[in-house]
Amino acid sequence: MDSHDVKTLVRTRYGSIAEADPADGRAPAASCCAPTSSPDAADKARAMGYSDADLAAVPDGANLGLGCGNPRAIAALRAAETVIDLGSGAGFDCFLAARAVGPAGKVVGIDMTHEMLAKARDNAARIGAANVEFRLGELEHLPVADSFADVILSNCVINLVPDHQQVFREAFRVLKPGGRLAISDIVNIAPLAPELRGDADLICGCMAGAAPVEQLHAWLATVGFDRIDITVKPESRDLIASWAPGRGIEDCVASAFIQARKP
């Protein structure tokens, strides 16, 4: 598939996730990080590092059980900071970030899926989240001014974008000097067989599009970031194995924290 095909596939898949009936609290089948036998969304979030307090702090429907970690755990958010969430979905990480930066801060969630934006905006309205807004946009062309944000968060989304380096270039542009990246994503740790790399479910499931750590480091450095740290989490193996049971994907990809700063 070319980049247009991948975007269309991902947009369609995540639009269907946003419109799925959340009554049973489960993430839809074949979604990012959510196999057919997906456990409760709250349990999935706990496995990714979120606390019960985090889960209680967001509106119903914000946590879809998606992601591969908790980027806020490495973000060290401070009061009055401006935060961008790349691939904000239904707003889970945005609402948690908004609590951390307080009323003097601001959080902007960006997503390319109309259905996700509608869901996130409805969630924000229901809790009166005045310091959160959601914008339609692709991560390669962020609808944000230069030097706008102190922090960029993202949770298992950048690997869905065909041009990773362009995402990092845009992230560098919209960060203030001294601004920082705090990303949880899937990285490639061993070669993927062609039939896995071209599998539509694995592309949408945040696995087939993963890049090697060395390549990610090079892309970040090339666009200007320094203090780059990519920490692979071997403990994610069992969780990843559950996303594509029996396919051995856990031998090829792992969850990782990606951190960097704009000088």
Foldseek 3Di string as FASTA:
>chain_A
DDQVVLVVLLLVVLLVQLVDDCVVQAGPDLAALAHNPGDHLVVLQVVQPDDPVLVVQFDPPQRRSHFRHQLVVVQPQAALFEEEEEACFLNSNVSVSCVRNDPNYAYEYEHQHPSRQVNNVVRCVVVVSVRYHYDHDHLLDDPAAFQAGQEYEYGAPLLSHQDNLSSLLVVLGRHHAFHKYRYKHKAWDDDDDPVQLPDSSCSSRRQSSHYHPVVVVVSNVVSAWPPWDKAFDLVCLVSVCVSPPPPPSSVTMTIIIIMTGHD
